[in-house]
Amino acid sequence: MAEKNSNRPFHETIIEAIRGATIPPTFILVVRLIQATKIPAGHDGIIKEIDISWDQEWMRRERIYMDAIKKLKDSILKQKAMAEAEAAEKETKASAEDKLWVITGAIEQHGQESLGSPSTEKNDKLYDRVRAIHRAETKDELQAVIAKL
C-alpha cells in the first residue's frame, strides 16, 4: 500500500504555527522562521492570520513586538510583490516548448515548399525562420514571428 503524502504548503502550515505562537518565546521562533523562509504563495492569508492571532494585549504593550510584526508584514508584502512579478515575467516569456512547436511547424512547412527541388534560397529561408523563433523572448514576439511564417 502506498503511503499518502500529508505534507502541505508552507502558507497553510505556518498559519497553524502563528495561531500557536501566543507566548514570547514561540512568537520569536515563528517570526524568525517566517523571516528566513521564501514564501511562494498565500501571503495574504499569512498576513490576515498575523492580524488576527497576534492582536494580543501582551504584544500591544511592548513596542518591540509591534515593530517585529510590522517588519514581518512588510517583508511578506515584499515577497508577495516579487512572486507576482516573477509570475508575470514567466507568463510573458516564450518557453522553449513554445519555440520547439513553432520550429517544428516551420520545418514541416519548409519540407512542403521544398518538394521536388531543394534550393539554397529555401534552406536560407528556413534558417532565418528558425533563428527568428529562437530570438523571440516574449510570447508576443513569438506570435509576431508566427504571423510572418
Protein backbone atom coordinates (compact mmCIF):
# COMPACT_ATOMS: atom_id res chain seq x y z
CA MET A 1 0.00 0.00 0.00
CA ALA A 2 1.40 3.39 -0.99
CA GLU A 3 1.96 5.88 1.83
CA LYS A 4 -0.08 9.05 1.47
CA ASN A 5 1.97 12.25 1.50
CA SER A 6 0.43 14.57 4.07
CA ASN A 7 2.83 17.47 3.53
CA ARG A 8 1.10 20.76 2.97
CA PRO A 9 2.21 24.09 1.50
CA PHE A 10 4.18 26.44 3.76
CA HIS A 11 1.45 29.06 3.93
CA GLU A 12 -1.01 26.51 5.32
CA THR A 13 1.30 25.12 7.99
CA ILE A 14 2.72 28.47 9.08
CA ILE A 15 -0.80 29.74 9.78
CA GLU A 16 -1.14 27.00 12.40
CA ALA A 17 2.23 28.00 13.88
CA ILE A 18 1.11 31.64 14.04
CA ARG A 19 -2.04 30.59 15.91
CA GLY A 20 0.08 28.66 18.41
CA ALA A 21 2.63 31.43 18.97
CA THR A 22 0.86 33.06 21.90
CA ILE A 23 3.81 33.48 24.27
CA PRO A 24 7.03 35.45 23.64
CA PRO A 25 9.42 32.51 23.01
CA THR A 26 7.20 30.85 20.39
CA PHE A 27 6.34 34.23 18.89
CA ILE A 28 10.05 34.97 18.36
CA LEU A 29 10.66 31.49 16.93
CA VAL A 30 7.82 31.78 14.41
CA VAL A 31 8.83 35.32 13.39
CA ARG A 32 12.39 34.11 12.73
CA LEU A 33 11.13 31.10 10.78
CA ILE A 34 8.95 33.26 8.53
CA GLN A 35 11.75 35.80 8.02
CA ALA A 36 14.16 33.04 6.96
CA THR A 37 11.75 31.42 4.50
CA LYS A 38 10.94 32.19 0.89
CA ILE A 39 7.16 32.27 0.76
CA PRO A 40 5.91 31.24 -2.70
CA ALA A 41 2.17 31.71 -2.10
CA GLY A 42 -0.51 32.51 0.45
CA HIS A 43 0.93 35.86 1.50
CA ASP A 44 -2.44 37.50 2.17
CA GLY A 45 -3.61 34.57 4.31
CA ILE A 46 -0.46 34.72 6.42
CA ILE A 47 -0.84 38.45 6.99
CA LYS A 48 -4.53 38.03 7.83
CA GLU A 49 -3.67 35.37 10.41
CA ILE A 50 -0.94 37.59 11.88
CA ASP A 51 -3.51 40.38 12.28
CA ILE A 52 -5.98 38.03 13.99
CA SER A 53 -3.73 35.86 16.15
CA TRP A 54 -1.13 38.39 17.16
CA ASP A 55 -3.52 41.10 18.28
CA GLN A 56 -2.89 40.28 21.94
CA GLU A 57 -2.56 42.54 24.94
CA TRP A 58 0.99 41.48 25.85
CA MET A 59 2.12 42.19 22.29
CA ARG A 60 0.47 45.61 22.18
CA ARG A 61 2.12 46.61 25.48
CA GLU A 62 5.63 46.07 24.13
CA ARG A 63 6.74 48.16 21.17
CA ILE A 64 9.38 45.56 20.26
CA TYR A 65 6.68 43.02 19.39
CA MET A 66 4.64 45.51 17.39
CA ASP A 67 7.78 46.60 15.48
CA ALA A 68 8.63 42.96 14.78
CA ILE A 69 5.12 42.33 13.45
CA LYS A 70 5.24 45.42 11.22
CA LYS A 71 8.66 44.47 9.79
CA LEU A 72 7.49 40.90 9.25
CA LYS A 73 4.34 42.00 7.40
CA ASP A 74 6.39 44.41 5.25
CA SER A 75 8.75 41.55 4.41
CA ILE A 76 5.85 39.28 3.46
CA LEU A 77 4.33 42.00 1.26
CA LYS A 78 7.70 42.49 -0.45
CA GLN A 79 7.90 38.76 -1.14
CA LYS A 80 4.34 38.84 -2.48
CA ALA A 81 5.27 41.63 -4.92
CA MET A 82 8.36 39.71 -6.04
CA ALA A 83 6.35 36.49 -6.51
CA GLU A 84 3.74 38.34 -8.57
CA ALA A 85 6.46 39.96 -10.72
CA GLU A 86 8.13 36.57 -11.30
CA ALA A 87 4.79 35.02 -12.27
CA ALA A 88 4.04 37.86 -14.69
CA GLU A 89 7.50 37.56 -16.26
CA LYS A 90 7.14 33.80 -16.58
CA GLU A 91 3.75 34.28 -18.24
CA THR A 92 5.20 36.59 -20.90
CA LYS A 93 8.37 34.61 -21.58
CA ALA A 94 8.38 32.47 -24.67
CA SER A 95 9.14 28.97 -23.43
CA ALA A 96 11.44 26.51 -25.13
CA GLU A 97 8.41 24.27 -25.63
CA ASP A 98 6.56 27.07 -27.46
CA LYS A 99 9.59 27.67 -29.67
CA LEU A 100 10.06 23.98 -30.43
CA TRP A 101 6.43 23.71 -31.51
CA VAL A 102 6.85 26.67 -33.88
CA ILE A 103 10.18 25.41 -35.23
CA THR A 104 8.64 22.01 -35.93
CA GLY A 105 5.85 23.70 -37.87
CA ALA A 106 8.36 25.80 -39.84
CA ILE A 107 10.36 22.70 -40.75
CA GLU A 108 7.22 20.89 -41.88
CA GLN A 109 6.22 23.91 -43.95
CA HIS A 110 9.74 24.07 -45.40
CA GLY A 111 9.52 20.40 -46.38
CA GLN A 112 6.27 21.03 -48.25
CA GLU A 113 7.72 24.07 -50.03
CA SER A 114 10.86 22.18 -50.99
CA LEU A 115 9.16 19.19 -52.61
CA GLY A 116 10.77 18.49 -55.96
CA SER A 117 13.76 20.83 -55.81
CA PRO A 118 15.86 21.64 -52.78
CA SER A 119 17.41 25.06 -53.10
CA THR A 120 19.80 27.18 -51.12
CA GLU A 121 17.27 30.00 -51.08
CA LYS A 122 14.65 27.80 -49.41
CA ASN A 123 17.18 26.49 -46.90
CA ASP A 124 18.22 30.06 -46.10
CA LYS A 125 14.55 30.93 -45.57
CA LEU A 126 14.20 28.04 -43.11
CA TYR A 127 17.37 29.10 -41.29
CA ASP A 128 16.05 32.66 -40.97
CA ARG A 129 12.72 31.39 -39.64
CA VAL A 130 14.36 29.19 -37.02
CA ARG A 131 16.73 31.99 -35.97
CA ALA A 132 13.81 34.43 -35.58
CA ILE A 133 11.93 31.88 -33.49
CA HIS A 134 14.97 31.28 -31.32
CA ARG A 135 15.48 35.01 -30.71
CA ALA A 136 11.88 35.63 -29.62
CA GLU A 137 11.98 36.37 -25.89
CA THR A 138 8.33 37.03 -25.17
CA LYS A 139 5.16 35.28 -26.23
CA ASP A 140 4.16 38.43 -28.16
CA GLU A 141 7.42 38.36 -30.13
CA LEU A 142 6.90 34.67 -30.84
CA GLN A 143 3.38 35.37 -32.07
CA ALA A 144 4.77 38.07 -34.40
CA VAL A 145 7.25 35.55 -35.83
CA ILE A 146 4.45 33.01 -36.31
CA ALA A 147 2.39 35.60 -38.17
CA LYS A 148 5.29 36.14 -40.60
CA LEU A 149 5.59 32.41 -41.34
